[in-house]
Amino acid sequence: MSIGQLAQQAGVAIDTVRYYERNALLAPAGRLASGYRRYGVTELKRLRFIRRAKALGFTLDDIRALLTLSDERDVAQVKQAAQRKLGDIEQRITELERIRTGLHTLIAACPGHGRAEACPILNALTQEDRS
């Protein structure tokens, strides 16, 4: 299939396919005599793997490692990588919840009118750190 067909079937942009090739996540395609790239089912499966892993929050470096582990069929290390990613996500969620609570508090304290100097949101953002 052509690069356009591959991209469409994988649910990514053509530039994404090229980017993954440049970053060694996807092997460069073979070329026809005309110079056009030709892709097969293997590249389509790999692109879908990459897209789904990104949707789960894995970085390109993480995905590269997962692809290597997948090629090696090392399920134990794949599970460990997924557990590490889950730990990272849970830490981010905790931090986001803390930020949400802080914003709720500031928004509730702000009357939404008056002078900027009296705004609790602006005051909180301009305070000096007390560390």
C-alpha atoms as a PDB file:
ATOM      1  CA  MET A   1       0.000   0.000   0.000  1.00  0.00           C
ATOM      2  CA  SER A   2       1.064   3.601  -0.454  1.00  0.00           C
ATOM      3  CA  ILE A   3       2.042   5.901   2.404  1.00  0.00           C
ATOM      4  CA  GLY A   4      -1.341   7.612   2.144  1.00  0.00           C
ATOM      5  CA  GLN A   5      -3.223   4.329   2.354  1.00  0.00           C
ATOM      6  CA  LEU A   6      -1.073   3.204   5.277  1.00  0.00           C
ATOM      7  CA  ALA A   7      -1.610   6.459   7.143  1.00  0.00           C
ATOM      8  CA  GLN A   8      -5.362   6.337   6.570  1.00  0.00           C
ATOM      9  CA  GLN A   9      -5.712   2.719   7.696  1.00  0.00           C
ATOM     10  CA  ALA A  10      -3.552   3.347  10.778  1.00  0.00           C
ATOM     11  CA  GLY A  11      -5.416   6.538  11.683  1.00  0.00           C
ATOM     12  CA  VAL A  12      -2.384   8.826  11.503  1.00  0.00           C
ATOM     13  CA  ALA A  13      -1.143  11.590   9.233  1.00  0.00           C
ATOM     14  CA  ILE A  14       1.335  10.940   6.418  1.00  0.00           C
ATOM     15  CA  ASP A  15       3.835  13.218   8.178  1.00  0.00           C
ATOM     16  CA  THR A  16       3.508  11.003  11.254  1.00  0.00           C
ATOM     17  CA  VAL A  17       4.540   7.961   9.220  1.00  0.00           C
ATOM     18  CA  ARG A  18       7.584   9.838   7.939  1.00  0.00           C
ATOM     19  CA  TYR A  19       8.391  11.064  11.456  1.00  0.00           C
ATOM     20  CA  TYR A  20       8.298   7.528  12.845  1.00  0.00           C
ATOM     21  CA  GLU A  21      10.551   6.366  10.021  1.00  0.00           C
ATOM     22  CA  ARG A  22      13.068   9.138  10.757  1.00  0.00           C
ATOM     23  CA  ASN A  23      13.004   8.194  14.455  1.00  0.00           C
ATOM     24  CA  ALA A  24      13.501   4.466  13.795  1.00  0.00           C
ATOM     25  CA  LEU A  25      10.121   3.428  15.185  1.00  0.00           C
ATOM     26  CA  LEU A  26       9.064   2.246  11.758  1.00  0.00           C
ATOM     27  CA  ALA A  27      11.431   0.636   9.285  1.00  0.00           C
ATOM     28  CA  PRO A  28      11.845   2.628   6.074  1.00  0.00           C
ATOM     29  CA  ALA A  29       9.591   1.270   3.379  1.00  0.00           C
ATOM     30  CA  GLY A  30      10.829  -0.429   0.288  1.00  0.00           C
ATOM     31  CA  ARG A  31      10.534   1.608  -2.862  1.00  0.00           C
ATOM     32  CA  LEU A  32       9.195   0.767  -6.254  1.00  0.00           C
ATOM     33  CA  ALA A  33      11.193   1.588  -9.370  1.00  0.00           C
ATOM     34  CA  SER A  34       9.094   4.753  -9.578  1.00  0.00           C
ATOM     35  CA  GLY A  35      10.452   5.824  -6.161  1.00  0.00           C
ATOM     36  CA  TYR A  36       7.126   5.436  -4.365  1.00  0.00           C
ATOM     37  CA  ARG A  37       7.221   3.793  -0.959  1.00  0.00           C
ATOM     38  CA  ARG A  38       5.323   0.539  -0.479  1.00  0.00           C
ATOM     39  CA  TYR A  39       4.087  -0.674   2.889  1.00  0.00           C
ATOM     40  CA  GLY A  40       2.567  -3.908   4.088  1.00  0.00           C
ATOM     41  CA  VAL A  41       0.588  -5.379   6.952  1.00  0.00           C
ATOM     42  CA  THR A  42       3.656  -5.435   9.228  1.00  0.00           C
ATOM     43  CA  GLU A  43       4.052  -1.655   9.052  1.00  0.00           C
ATOM     44  CA  LEU A  44       0.304  -1.178   9.546  1.00  0.00           C
ATOM     45  CA  LYS A  45       0.330  -3.305  12.713  1.00  0.00           C
ATOM     46  CA  ARG A  46       3.365  -1.446  14.028  1.00  0.00           C
ATOM     47  CA  LEU A  47       1.780   1.960  13.366  1.00  0.00           C
ATOM     48  CA  ARG A  48      -1.409   0.919  15.146  1.00  0.00           C
ATOM     49  CA  PHE A  49       0.692  -0.329  18.081  1.00  0.00           C
ATOM     50  CA  ILE A  50       2.470   3.028  18.263  1.00  0.00           C
ATOM     51  CA  ARG A  51      -0.783   5.006  18.018  1.00  0.00           C
ATOM     52  CA  ARG A  52      -2.454   2.959  20.769  1.00  0.00           C
ATOM     53  CA  ALA A  53       0.615   3.156  23.037  1.00  0.00           C
ATOM     54  CA  LYS A  54       0.694   6.950  22.614  1.00  0.00           C
ATOM     55  CA  ALA A  55      -3.003   7.087  23.513  1.00  0.00           C
ATOM     56  CA  LEU A  56      -2.125   5.295  26.770  1.00  0.00           C
ATOM     57  CA  GLY A  57       0.465   7.962  27.583  1.00  0.00           C
ATOM     58  CA  PHE A  58       3.663   6.194  26.538  1.00  0.00           C
ATOM     59  CA  THR A  59       6.423   8.434  25.178  1.00  0.00           C
ATOM     60  CA  LEU A  60       8.212   7.611  21.940  1.00  0.00           C
ATOM     61  CA  ASP A  61      11.178   6.321  23.956  1.00  0.00           C
ATOM     62  CA  ASP A  62       8.802   4.136  25.977  1.00  0.00           C
ATOM     63  CA  ILE A  63       7.251   2.869  22.757  1.00  0.00           C
ATOM     64  CA  ARG A  64      10.654   2.093  21.275  1.00  0.00           C
ATOM     65  CA  ALA A  65      11.426  -0.003  24.360  1.00  0.00           C
ATOM     66  CA  LEU A  66       8.023  -1.707  24.207  1.00  0.00           C
ATOM     67  CA  LEU A  67       8.562  -2.569  20.554  1.00  0.00           C
ATOM     68  CA  THR A  68      11.927  -4.115  21.412  1.00  0.00           C
ATOM     69  CA  LEU A  69      10.368  -6.075  24.267  1.00  0.00           C
ATOM     70  CA  SER A  70       7.536  -7.117  21.977  1.00  0.00           C
ATOM     71  CA  ASP A  71      10.014  -8.381  19.387  1.00  0.00           C
ATOM     72  CA  GLU A  72      11.795 -10.305  22.147  1.00  0.00           C
ATOM     73  CA  ARG A  73       8.463 -11.573  23.536  1.00  0.00           C
ATOM     74  CA  ASP A  74       9.491 -10.468  27.045  1.00  0.00           C
ATOM     75  CA  VAL A  75       6.028 -10.222  28.603  1.00  0.00           C
ATOM     76  CA  ALA A  76       7.337  -9.749  32.158  1.00  0.00           C
ATOM     77  CA  GLN A  77       9.245  -6.611  31.183  1.00  0.00           C
ATOM     78  CA  VAL A  78       6.278  -5.334  29.143  1.00  0.00           C
ATOM     79  CA  LYS A  79       4.134  -5.669  32.270  1.00  0.00           C
ATOM     80  CA  GLN A  80       6.764  -3.856  34.363  1.00  0.00           C
ATOM     81  CA  ALA A  81       6.904  -1.018  31.827  1.00  0.00           C
ATOM     82  CA  ALA A  82       3.110  -0.721  31.927  1.00  0.00           C
ATOM     83  CA  GLN A  83       3.171  -0.707  35.735  1.00  0.00           C
ATOM     84  CA  ARG A  84       5.777   2.082  35.741  1.00  0.00           C
ATOM     85  CA  LYS A  85       3.639   4.087  33.313  1.00  0.00           C
ATOM     86  CA  LEU A  86       0.582   3.560  35.520  1.00  0.00           C
ATOM     87  CA  GLY A  87       2.560   4.806  38.539  1.00  0.00           C
ATOM     88  CA  ASP A  88       3.572   7.923  36.597  1.00  0.00           C
ATOM     89  CA  ILE A  89      -0.022   8.552  35.560  1.00  0.00           C
ATOM     90  CA  GLU A  90      -1.299   8.105  39.114  1.00  0.00           C
ATOM     91  CA  GLN A  91       1.278  10.657  40.349  1.00  0.00           C
ATOM     92  CA  ARG A  92       0.164  13.110  37.669  1.00  0.00           C
ATOM     93  CA  ILE A  93      -3.480  12.571  38.599  1.00  0.00           C
ATOM     94  CA  THR A  94      -2.683  13.278  42.262  1.00  0.00           C
ATOM     95  CA  GLU A  95      -0.875  16.476  41.261  1.00  0.00           C
ATOM     96  CA  LEU A  96      -3.732  17.535  38.966  1.00  0.00           C
ATOM     97  CA  GLU A  97      -6.253  16.925  41.752  1.00  0.00           C
ATOM     98  CA  ARG A  98      -4.168  19.143  44.054  1.00  0.00           C
ATOM     99  CA  ILE A  99      -4.098  21.842  41.377  1.00  0.00           C
ATOM    100  CA  ARG A 100      -7.860  21.509  40.809  1.00  0.00           C
ATOM    101  CA  THR A 101      -8.532  21.928  44.534  1.00  0.00           C
ATOM    102  CA  GLY A 102      -6.336  25.028  44.627  1.00  0.00           C
ATOM    103  CA  LEU A 103      -8.078  26.550  41.634  1.00  0.00           C
ATOM    104  CA  HIS A 104     -11.529  25.804  43.085  1.00  0.00           C
ATOM    105  CA  THR A 105     -10.495  27.588  46.289  1.00  0.00           C
ATOM    106  CA  LEU A 106      -9.143  30.624  44.432  1.00  0.00           C
ATOM    107  CA  ILE A 107     -12.162  30.856  42.135  1.00  0.00           C
ATOM    108  CA  ALA A 108     -14.565  30.611  45.081  1.00  0.00           C
ATOM    109  CA  ALA A 109     -12.668  33.411  46.866  1.00  0.00           C
ATOM    110  CA  CYS A 110     -12.744  35.733  43.856  1.00  0.00           C
ATOM    111  CA  PRO A 111     -15.782  38.010  43.528  1.00  0.00           C
ATOM    112  CA  GLY A 112     -15.137  38.476  39.804  1.00  0.00           C
ATOM    113  CA  HIS A 113     -15.168  42.264  40.012  1.00  0.00           C
ATOM    114  CA  GLY A 114     -13.287  45.058  41.690  1.00  0.00           C
ATOM    115  CA  ARG A 115      -9.661  46.093  41.647  1.00  0.00           C
ATOM    116  CA  ALA A 116      -6.910  43.782  40.450  1.00  0.00           C
ATOM    117  CA  GLU A 117      -4.969  44.354  43.671  1.00  0.00           C
ATOM    118  CA  ALA A 118      -7.805  42.700  45.622  1.00  0.00           C
ATOM    119  CA  CYS A 119      -8.114  39.684  43.341  1.00  0.00           C
ATOM    120  CA  PRO A 120      -7.236  36.503  45.262  1.00  0.00           C
ATOM    121  CA  ILE A 121      -6.273  34.704  42.057  1.00  0.00           C
ATOM    122  CA  LEU A 122      -3.789  37.370  40.974  1.00  0.00           C
ATOM    123  CA  ASN A 123      -2.476  37.718  44.527  1.00  0.00           C
ATOM    124  CA  ALA A 124      -1.853  33.970  44.793  1.00  0.00           C
ATOM    125  CA  LEU A 125       0.020  33.979  41.472  1.00  0.00           C
ATOM    126  CA  THR A 126       2.224  36.940  42.396  1.00  0.00           C
ATOM    127  CA  GLN A 127       3.102  35.822  45.941  1.00  0.00           C
ATOM    128  CA  GLU A 128       6.722  35.146  46.747  1.00  0.00           C
ATOM    129  CA  ASP A 129       7.582  31.532  47.538  1.00  0.00           C
ATOM    130  CA  ARG A 130       8.024  30.930  51.235  1.00  0.00           C
ATOM    131  CA  SER A 131      10.484  28.081  51.085  1.00  0.00           C
END
